[in-house]
Amino acid sequence: MSDKARILVWDIETRGLVADYGSILCIGWQWAGEKQVHVKSIHDVPGKHPLDDGPLVKWFIKNVWEKADMEVGWYNSRHDVPFLRTRALLKGQPPPKEVTSIDMWAKSKFRFKFSNNKLMTYARHLHTHKQKYWTPSDDFEKVLYGDTAAMKRIVKHCRHDVEMSNELYERLKPWWRNHPRVRYAGVCCRSCGSQKLQRRGKAFTAHKNPQQRLHCQNCGHWMQVSMKEAEEVL
């Protein structure tokens, strides 16, 4: 068993913004550190009627969500996770396991000063390889009538969002404070898990005793640990 967390970068496309009147059309995901992007739609895991997302939600939770130690997305704590949870509840499914959540929207909102806090804005200014793919708004209604071309465009839109999110996660995570630990044991970088750390003086905080400031030589992340923990750093 690896001591490093398995991190799920994901996104959903939905019909509507509230889960009691809407439904999930497709779910895209990519494991951090891997190149392959996956997308499953309600056409891939069909239900009793064209918009029945119950089988898709059940499949995703069992085959993907249950394998994740952390989940990463853009605005996921306010949309994707609650939406998935609500759809599972309404479909009579048991509660999915609790997964440590990293919302890039929330972590970046007060850390930077972009013109707005949209995914596409960060992607444009940071020149990600994939940019926003716009799908016509009426595609989300056309799927009601089984329009496969509309679903293909929505799936492509979802795939681009996942690829942008994964690239932005790698770019932004060294800049955040309080990233969850990505390894289970030992003193290592909270952002990337590297043990290539340098001591860079003491940090004065609300703790009674001073903290050791550490700088990751792999990703550039700054962090602080207790002086006792710092003894493990060469």
Protein backbone atom coordinates (compact mmCIF):
# COMPACT_ATOMS: atom_id res chain seq x y z
CA MET A 1 0.00 0.00 0.00
CA SER A 2 1.40 3.41 -0.99
CA ASP A 3 1.87 6.02 1.73
CA LYS A 4 0.92 8.75 -0.75
CA ALA A 5 -2.67 9.93 -1.12
CA ARG A 6 -4.62 9.11 -4.28
CA ILE A 7 -6.00 12.44 -5.46
CA LEU A 8 -9.12 12.65 -7.63
CA VAL A 9 -9.54 15.71 -9.88
CA TRP A 10 -13.10 15.78 -11.14
CA ASP A 11 -16.04 17.75 -12.54
CA ILE A 12 -19.71 17.16 -13.25
CA GLU A 13 -22.08 18.57 -15.85
CA THR A 14 -25.66 18.90 -14.70
CA ARG A 15 -29.08 19.79 -15.98
CA GLY A 16 -29.99 22.60 -13.60
CA LEU A 17 -28.11 23.99 -10.60
CA VAL A 18 -30.20 22.38 -7.85
CA ALA A 19 -30.15 18.63 -7.36
CA ASP A 20 -33.79 18.07 -6.37
CA TYR A 21 -35.02 19.39 -9.73
CA GLY A 22 -31.93 18.68 -11.84
CA SER A 23 -29.77 15.67 -12.65
CA ILE A 24 -26.20 14.72 -13.51
CA LEU A 25 -25.51 14.36 -17.23
CA CYS A 26 -21.87 13.28 -17.05
CA ILE A 27 -18.93 12.99 -14.66
CA GLY A 28 -15.32 13.52 -15.68
CA TRP A 29 -12.25 12.67 -13.65
CA GLN A 30 -8.48 12.32 -13.73
CA TRP A 31 -6.17 10.90 -11.09
CA ALA A 32 -3.46 13.42 -10.16
CA GLY A 33 -0.16 12.35 -11.66
CA GLU A 34 -1.81 10.37 -14.46
CA LYS A 35 -2.43 11.51 -18.03
CA GLN A 36 -5.68 9.74 -18.88
CA VAL A 37 -8.97 11.63 -18.52
CA HIS A 38 -12.19 9.65 -18.10
CA VAL A 39 -15.79 10.74 -18.69
CA LYS A 40 -18.95 8.72 -18.09
CA SER A 41 -22.39 9.99 -19.11
CA ILE A 42 -25.96 8.84 -18.58
CA HIS A 43 -25.72 7.37 -22.09
CA ASP A 44 -22.85 5.13 -20.95
CA VAL A 45 -24.65 4.00 -17.80
CA PRO A 46 -28.34 4.23 -18.78
CA GLY A 47 -31.23 4.23 -16.35
CA LYS A 48 -34.97 3.71 -16.60
CA HIS A 49 -35.53 6.91 -18.59
CA PRO A 50 -33.30 9.33 -20.60
CA LEU A 51 -32.41 11.53 -17.60
CA ASP A 52 -32.17 8.83 -14.92
CA ASP A 53 -28.75 9.43 -13.36
CA GLY A 54 -29.16 6.88 -10.55
CA PRO A 55 -27.04 4.13 -12.19
CA LEU A 56 -24.33 6.67 -13.15
CA VAL A 57 -24.14 8.06 -9.61
CA LYS A 58 -24.00 4.56 -8.12
CA TRP A 59 -21.31 3.45 -10.59
CA PHE A 60 -19.14 6.53 -9.98
CA ILE A 61 -19.29 6.29 -6.19
CA LYS A 62 -18.46 2.57 -6.20
CA ASN A 63 -15.74 2.57 -8.88
CA VAL A 64 -14.10 5.98 -8.50
CA TRP A 65 -15.09 7.91 -5.37
CA GLU A 66 -14.43 4.99 -3.02
CA LYS A 67 -10.82 4.78 -4.29
CA ALA A 68 -10.01 8.46 -3.61
CA ASP A 69 -8.19 9.82 -0.55
CA MET A 70 -8.69 13.45 -1.64
CA GLU A 71 -10.93 15.11 -4.21
CA VAL A 72 -10.09 18.30 -6.08
CA GLY A 73 -12.29 20.55 -8.17
CA TRP A 74 -13.32 24.11 -8.92
CA TYR A 75 -16.25 25.22 -6.74
CA ASN A 76 -16.70 21.53 -5.92
CA SER A 77 -17.45 22.09 -2.23
CA ARG A 78 -20.48 24.21 -3.16
CA HIS A 79 -21.71 22.42 -6.28
CA ASP A 80 -20.23 19.09 -7.37
CA VAL A 81 -20.03 17.34 -3.99
CA PRO A 82 -23.42 18.50 -2.63
CA PHE A 83 -25.05 17.74 -6.00
CA LEU A 84 -23.61 14.20 -6.10
CA ARG A 85 -24.56 13.62 -2.47
CA THR A 86 -28.13 14.85 -3.02
CA ARG A 87 -28.64 12.71 -6.13
CA ALA A 88 -27.41 9.64 -4.21
CA LEU A 89 -29.84 10.42 -1.38
CA LEU A 90 -32.79 10.88 -3.75
CA LYS A 91 -31.96 7.61 -5.52
CA GLY A 92 -32.04 5.68 -2.26
CA GLN A 93 -28.31 4.99 -2.16
CA PRO A 94 -26.20 4.77 1.03
CA PRO A 95 -23.96 7.71 2.01
CA PRO A 96 -20.62 7.74 0.16
CA LYS A 97 -17.45 7.82 2.24
CA GLU A 98 -16.10 11.15 3.40
CA VAL A 99 -13.18 12.26 1.23
CA THR A 100 -10.82 15.14 2.09
CA SER A 101 -11.93 18.02 -0.14
CA ILE A 102 -9.76 20.63 -1.88
CA ASP A 103 -11.81 23.40 -3.47
CA MET A 104 -9.48 25.38 -5.74
CA TRP A 105 -12.04 28.17 -6.01
CA ALA A 106 -12.13 28.65 -2.24
CA LYS A 107 -8.38 28.30 -1.75
CA SER A 108 -7.58 30.80 -4.51
CA LYS A 109 -10.31 33.40 -3.94
CA PHE A 110 -8.51 35.33 -1.20
CA ARG A 111 -5.00 34.20 -2.06
CA PHE A 112 -4.81 35.98 -5.41
CA LYS A 113 -6.31 39.08 -7.02
CA PHE A 114 -7.55 38.12 -10.48
CA SER A 115 -10.36 40.08 -12.15
CA ASN A 116 -12.73 37.28 -11.14
CA ASN A 117 -12.49 33.81 -9.63
CA LYS A 118 -13.67 31.75 -12.62
CA LEU A 119 -11.92 28.62 -13.80
CA MET A 120 -11.62 30.00 -17.34
CA THR A 121 -9.93 33.20 -16.07
CA TYR A 122 -7.19 31.31 -14.27
CA ALA A 123 -6.77 28.96 -17.25
CA ARG A 124 -6.45 31.87 -19.69
CA HIS A 125 -3.90 33.85 -17.68
CA LEU A 126 -1.85 30.80 -16.71
CA HIS A 127 -1.92 29.51 -20.29
CA THR A 128 -3.11 25.97 -19.61
CA HIS A 129 -2.84 23.59 -22.54
CA LYS A 130 -6.62 23.18 -22.60
CA GLN A 131 -8.93 26.19 -22.59
CA LYS A 132 -12.65 26.42 -21.95
CA TYR A 133 -14.78 24.60 -24.51
CA TRP A 134 -18.12 26.31 -24.92
CA THR A 135 -21.15 24.18 -25.58
CA PRO A 136 -24.47 25.75 -26.65
CA SER A 137 -26.75 26.29 -23.66
CA ASP A 138 -29.63 24.52 -25.39
CA ASP A 139 -27.55 21.30 -25.50
CA PHE A 140 -28.53 20.76 -21.88
CA GLU A 141 -32.18 20.67 -22.99
CA LYS A 142 -31.59 18.67 -26.18
CA VAL A 143 -30.37 15.70 -24.16
CA LEU A 144 -33.96 15.46 -22.89
CA TYR A 145 -34.86 14.19 -26.33
CA GLY A 146 -31.94 11.81 -26.70
CA ASP A 147 -29.76 14.09 -28.84
CA THR A 148 -26.44 12.19 -28.93
CA ALA A 149 -24.56 15.05 -30.66
CA ALA A 150 -25.52 17.40 -27.82
CA MET A 151 -24.29 14.86 -25.27
CA LYS A 152 -20.96 14.52 -27.10
CA ARG A 153 -20.44 18.28 -26.87
CA ILE A 154 -21.28 18.26 -23.15
CA VAL A 155 -18.85 15.39 -22.59
CA LYS A 156 -16.12 17.32 -24.45
CA HIS A 157 -16.88 20.40 -22.31
CA CYS A 158 -16.52 18.25 -19.16
CA ARG A 159 -13.28 16.69 -20.38
CA HIS A 160 -11.73 20.12 -21.00
CA ASP A 161 -12.77 21.31 -17.53
CA VAL A 162 -11.11 18.28 -15.91
CA GLU A 163 -7.89 18.78 -17.87
CA MET A 164 -7.82 22.49 -16.99
CA SER A 165 -8.53 21.70 -13.33
CA ASN A 166 -5.75 19.13 -13.14
CA GLU A 167 -3.20 21.48 -14.69
CA LEU A 168 -4.26 24.38 -12.49
CA TYR A 169 -4.09 22.17 -9.40
CA GLU A 170 -0.44 21.39 -10.13
CA ARG A 171 0.30 25.09 -10.77
CA LEU A 172 -1.56 26.53 -7.80
CA LYS A 173 -1.07 24.06 -4.95
CA PRO A 174 2.45 25.26 -3.97
CA TRP A 175 0.97 28.75 -3.43
CA TRP A 176 -1.77 27.71 -1.01
CA ARG A 177 -1.53 27.56 2.75
CA ASN A 178 -2.65 24.51 4.72
CA HIS A 179 -2.75 21.99 1.90
CA PRO A 180 -3.73 18.60 3.41
CA ARG A 181 -0.84 16.18 3.85
CA VAL A 182 -0.36 14.07 0.73
CA ARG A 183 1.75 11.44 2.49
CA TYR A 184 0.88 9.49 5.61
CA ALA A 185 4.23 9.39 7.39
CA GLY A 186 7.39 11.41 7.84
CA VAL A 187 8.15 15.10 7.36
CA CYS A 188 7.48 15.93 3.73
CA CYS A 189 6.09 18.73 1.60
CA ARG A 190 2.35 19.09 2.15
CA SER A 191 1.89 20.08 -1.47
CA CYS A 192 3.83 17.45 -3.44
CA GLY A 193 5.03 14.93 -0.87
CA SER A 194 8.74 15.50 -1.56
CA GLN A 195 11.24 15.12 1.25
CA LYS A 196 13.66 17.55 -0.39
CA LEU A 197 13.16 20.26 2.24
CA GLN A 198 15.41 23.05 3.47
CA ARG A 199 15.23 24.80 6.82
CA ARG A 200 14.67 28.53 6.35
CA GLY A 201 14.61 30.06 9.81
CA LYS A 202 11.89 30.19 12.43
CA ALA A 203 8.26 31.21 11.99
CA PHE A 204 6.57 33.13 14.81
CA THR A 205 2.93 32.05 15.12
CA ALA A 206 0.17 31.70 17.70
CA HIS A 207 1.94 28.58 18.99
CA LYS A 208 3.71 28.94 22.31
CA ASN A 209 6.94 27.70 20.80
CA PRO A 210 8.50 28.88 17.52
CA GLN A 211 7.91 26.79 14.41
CA GLN A 212 10.57 25.72 11.92
CA ARG A 213 10.02 27.22 8.46
CA LEU A 214 10.67 24.76 5.61
CA HIS A 215 10.99 25.33 1.87
CA CYS A 216 10.33 22.51 -0.62
CA GLN A 217 13.07 22.24 -3.24
CA ASN A 218 10.77 20.29 -5.57
CA CYS A 219 7.67 22.48 -5.94
CA GLY A 220 8.58 25.65 -4.02
CA HIS A 221 5.94 25.30 -1.29
CA TRP A 222 6.56 26.99 2.07
CA MET A 223 5.42 25.31 5.27
CA GLN A 224 6.17 25.18 8.96
CA VAL A 225 6.45 22.34 11.47
CA SER A 226 7.36 21.96 15.12
CA MET A 227 11.02 22.12 16.02
CA LYS A 228 10.87 18.45 17.03
CA GLU A 229 9.50 17.40 13.64
CA ALA A 230 12.16 19.51 11.93
CA GLU A 231 14.87 17.30 13.43
CA GLU A 232 14.00 14.75 10.72
CA VAL A 233 14.96 17.22 8.00
CA LEU A 234 18.63 16.94 6.98
